[in-house]
Each structure stands twice: as structure tokens, then as C-alpha cells.
Amino acid sequence: MPHELDVYSYWTLAVFIVGYIFIIFEHKLAINKATSALLMAVGCWGLQFADLSREVWNNEHLLYHIARVSQVIIFLLGALTIVETIHA
């Protein structure tokens, strides 16, 4: 089943391609890979949330992924606390 892309999807794709080109030509452009990747990520996320027709979908998926990442961070903090307690 084909899926039609909207204007925001095309702009997100363009931002991704430009960011990837900046990463590829890092030495010639004298721009750090991390800088290019962060700017690309901010641009893509900004375009994702600029589309107000997907507001409910964006919020549901954002909350889901924040919950998953939070579980990992809390687990790692607990593990690090145990390791530091045993090490001390």
C-alpha cells in the first residue's frame, strides 16, 4: 500500500540528506560530525513537531519513547550506584 508523503516529510528528508552530506565532507567543510548530526537531529525533530495535523500521534509516540529511555537511564543509575557502593 503506497503512502503519500506530505510537505513536512519532504523537508525532513531534505534536512537529513543535507546533514548527511555535511557529515560525509566533514574535513573539506571544517565542521565537526557531532555538530552536523545535532543540527540535523534538531531540524528533523523540529519539522516533525511543526506538523500540527499529527499532534496526537507525535505526543503518544514521544511519551512512549521517553518512557522507554527513562527505564534504561534509571536502570543504569541503579547499577552504577551498586557498583560504586561495592567499590567503596
Protein backbone atom coordinates (compact mmCIF):
# COMPACT_ATOMS: atom_id res chain seq x y z
CA MET A 1 0.00 0.00 0.00
CA PRO A 2 1.72 3.23 -1.10
CA HIS A 3 1.98 6.03 1.42
CA GLU A 4 1.92 9.63 0.23
CA LEU A 5 4.44 11.99 1.77
CA ASP A 6 3.41 15.44 2.90
CA VAL A 7 5.43 18.66 2.71
CA TYR A 8 6.94 18.14 6.17
CA SER A 9 8.20 14.70 5.16
CA TYR A 10 9.93 16.11 2.10
CA TRP A 11 11.55 18.87 4.15
CA THR A 12 12.66 16.34 6.78
CA LEU A 13 14.19 14.20 4.05
CA ALA A 14 15.97 17.25 2.61
CA VAL A 15 17.34 18.23 6.04
CA PHE A 16 18.56 14.65 6.56
CA ILE A 17 20.29 14.50 3.18
CA VAL A 18 21.98 17.88 3.66
CA GLY A 19 23.08 16.89 7.16
CA TYR A 20 24.45 13.59 5.87
CA ILE A 21 26.39 15.43 3.15
CA PHE A 22 27.89 17.69 5.82
CA ILE A 23 28.95 14.59 7.76
CA ILE A 24 30.49 12.99 4.65
CA PHE A 25 32.51 16.10 3.74
CA GLU A 26 33.49 16.92 7.31
CA HIS A 27 37.18 17.61 6.54
CA LYS A 28 36.57 19.77 3.49
CA LEU A 29 33.90 21.86 5.25
CA ALA A 30 35.78 22.02 8.59
CA ILE A 31 32.64 21.16 10.52
CA ASN A 32 32.60 18.53 13.24
CA LYS A 33 30.46 15.41 12.68
CA ALA A 34 28.76 15.82 16.04
CA THR A 35 27.76 19.39 15.22
CA SER A 36 26.29 18.36 11.89
CA ALA A 37 24.46 15.42 13.45
CA LEU A 38 23.00 17.52 16.27
CA LEU A 39 21.82 20.26 13.92
CA MET A 40 20.33 17.65 11.60
CA ALA A 41 18.52 15.98 14.51
CA VAL A 42 17.14 19.28 15.81
CA GLY A 43 15.95 20.19 12.32
CA CYS A 44 14.26 16.83 11.77
CA TRP A 45 12.57 16.84 15.18
CA GLY A 46 11.50 20.45 14.71
CA LEU A 47 9.88 19.61 11.39
CA GLN A 48 8.23 16.52 12.90
CA PHE A 49 6.55 18.60 15.58
CA ALA A 50 5.78 21.55 13.29
CA ASP A 51 3.12 19.46 11.54
CA LEU A 52 0.10 20.17 13.75
CA SER A 53 -2.07 17.61 11.95
CA ARG A 54 -0.03 14.86 13.64
CA GLU A 55 -0.06 16.39 17.12
CA VAL A 56 -1.84 13.50 18.87
CA TRP A 57 0.31 10.87 17.11
CA ASN A 58 3.51 12.79 17.94
CA ASN A 59 2.60 13.15 21.61
CA GLU A 60 1.69 9.47 22.01
CA HIS A 61 4.90 8.25 20.41
CA LEU A 62 7.06 10.81 22.18
CA LEU A 63 5.69 9.77 25.58
CA TYR A 64 6.22 6.10 24.71
CA HIS A 65 9.85 6.63 23.74
CA ILE A 66 10.56 8.90 26.72
CA ALA A 67 9.23 6.15 29.00
CA ARG A 68 11.48 3.55 27.35
CA VAL A 69 14.58 5.75 27.57
CA SER A 70 13.77 6.65 31.18
CA GLN A 71 13.65 2.96 32.13
CA VAL A 72 17.15 2.42 30.74
CA ILE A 73 18.54 5.53 32.46
CA ILE A 74 17.04 4.57 35.83
CA PHE A 75 18.41 1.02 35.47
CA LEU A 76 21.89 2.35 34.66
CA LEU A 77 21.81 4.77 37.59
CA GLY A 78 20.84 1.91 39.92
CA ALA A 79 23.59 -0.33 38.52
CA LEU A 80 26.19 2.43 38.85
CA THR A 81 25.10 3.08 42.44
CA ILE A 82 25.52 -0.59 43.34
CA VAL A 83 28.95 -0.74 41.67
CA GLU A 84 30.14 2.40 43.46
CA THR A 85 28.81 1.13 46.79
CA ILE A 86 30.62 -2.20 46.40
CA HIS A 87 33.78 -0.47 45.15
CA ALA A 88 33.94 1.94 48.12
